[in-house]
Amino acid sequence: MGAGDGFAVGMISALLENLSFPEAVQRGNWIGSRAVQSRGDMEGLPTRAELPTRSVA
């Protein structure tokens, strides 16, 4: 999984949770950056419990 995939995952998950668009972009950026910090496809992804519910900035 690359940064773009991680970004999409973050955006979609945030929008499905009815977070605002700016919060969804922040989550997408956060997950995208995590995705490229480790080797493998799924190792860099956070679990649902690790997801911030609001701004990660």
C-alpha atoms as a PDB file:
ATOM      1  CA  MET A   1       0.000   0.000   0.000  1.00  0.00           C
ATOM      2  CA  GLY A   2       1.318   3.425  -0.878  1.00  0.00           C
ATOM      3  CA  ALA A   3       0.674   6.930   0.362  1.00  0.00           C
ATOM      4  CA  GLY A   4      -2.188   7.475  -2.079  1.00  0.00           C
ATOM      5  CA  ASP A   5      -3.979   4.337  -0.959  1.00  0.00           C
ATOM      6  CA  GLY A   6      -3.511   5.336   2.665  1.00  0.00           C
ATOM      7  CA  PHE A   7      -4.833   8.810   1.926  1.00  0.00           C
ATOM      8  CA  ALA A   8      -7.940   7.345   0.282  1.00  0.00           C
ATOM      9  CA  VAL A   9      -8.506   5.022   3.240  1.00  0.00           C
ATOM     10  CA  GLY A  10      -8.280   7.946   5.641  1.00  0.00           C
ATOM     11  CA  MET A  11     -10.580  10.177   3.617  1.00  0.00           C
ATOM     12  CA  ILE A  12     -13.232   7.515   3.139  1.00  0.00           C
ATOM     13  CA  SER A  13     -13.189   6.352   6.763  1.00  0.00           C
ATOM     14  CA  ALA A  14     -13.466   9.933   8.042  1.00  0.00           C
ATOM     15  CA  LEU A  15     -16.298  10.848   5.678  1.00  0.00           C
ATOM     16  CA  LEU A  16     -18.177   7.669   6.630  1.00  0.00           C
ATOM     17  CA  GLU A  17     -17.871   8.821  10.254  1.00  0.00           C
ATOM     18  CA  ASN A  18     -19.351  12.211   9.264  1.00  0.00           C
ATOM     19  CA  LEU A  19     -16.179  14.146  10.037  1.00  0.00           C
ATOM     20  CA  SER A  20     -15.757  17.464   8.230  1.00  0.00           C
ATOM     21  CA  PHE A  21     -13.932  17.608   4.904  1.00  0.00           C
ATOM     22  CA  PRO A  22     -10.836  19.303   6.432  1.00  0.00           C
ATOM     23  CA  GLU A  23     -10.735  16.623   9.157  1.00  0.00           C
ATOM     24  CA  ALA A  24     -11.044  13.934   6.487  1.00  0.00           C
ATOM     25  CA  VAL A  25      -8.096  15.430   4.589  1.00  0.00           C
ATOM     26  CA  GLN A  26      -6.037  15.518   7.798  1.00  0.00           C
ATOM     27  CA  ARG A  27      -6.833  11.878   8.515  1.00  0.00           C
ATOM     28  CA  GLY A  28      -5.971  10.959   4.931  1.00  0.00           C
ATOM     29  CA  ASN A  29      -2.625  12.715   5.201  1.00  0.00           C
ATOM     30  CA  TRP A  30      -1.912  11.059   8.541  1.00  0.00           C
ATOM     31  CA  ILE A  31      -2.681   7.539   7.302  1.00  0.00           C
ATOM     32  CA  GLY A  32      -0.855   8.158   4.012  1.00  0.00           C
ATOM     33  CA  SER A  33       2.260   9.189   5.904  1.00  0.00           C
ATOM     34  CA  ARG A  34       2.034   6.136   8.168  1.00  0.00           C
ATOM     35  CA  ALA A  35       1.639   3.842   5.164  1.00  0.00           C
ATOM     36  CA  VAL A  36       5.073   4.739   3.804  1.00  0.00           C
ATOM     37  CA  GLN A  37       6.911   4.523   7.123  1.00  0.00           C
ATOM     38  CA  SER A  38       6.968   0.728   7.257  1.00  0.00           C
ATOM     39  CA  ARG A  39       7.537  -2.180   4.906  1.00  0.00           C
ATOM     40  CA  GLY A  40       4.648  -4.289   3.742  1.00  0.00           C
ATOM     41  CA  ASP A  41       1.085  -3.639   2.733  1.00  0.00           C
ATOM     42  CA  MET A  42      -0.817  -3.451   5.990  1.00  0.00           C
ATOM     43  CA  GLU A  43       1.818  -2.972   8.692  1.00  0.00           C
ATOM     44  CA  GLY A  44       1.682   0.834   8.603  1.00  0.00           C
ATOM     45  CA  LEU A  45      -2.084   1.115   8.820  1.00  0.00           C
ATOM     46  CA  PRO A  46      -3.616   2.066  12.156  1.00  0.00           C
ATOM     47  CA  THR A  47      -6.310  -0.023  13.776  1.00  0.00           C
ATOM     48  CA  ARG A  48      -9.734   1.520  14.293  1.00  0.00           C
ATOM     49  CA  ALA A  49      -8.856   2.083  17.961  1.00  0.00           C
ATOM     50  CA  GLU A  50      -5.780   4.075  16.901  1.00  0.00           C
ATOM     51  CA  LEU A  51      -7.731   6.406  14.611  1.00  0.00           C
ATOM     52  CA  PRO A  52      -8.069   9.927  15.924  1.00  0.00           C
ATOM     53  CA  THR A  53     -11.703  11.003  16.032  1.00  0.00           C
ATOM     54  CA  ARG A  54     -10.882  14.639  15.377  1.00  0.00           C
ATOM     55  CA  SER A  55      -7.998  16.759  14.134  1.00  0.00           C
ATOM     56  CA  VAL A  56      -4.584  15.093  14.105  1.00  0.00           C
ATOM     57  CA  ALA A  57      -2.704  18.322  13.437  1.00  0.00           C
END
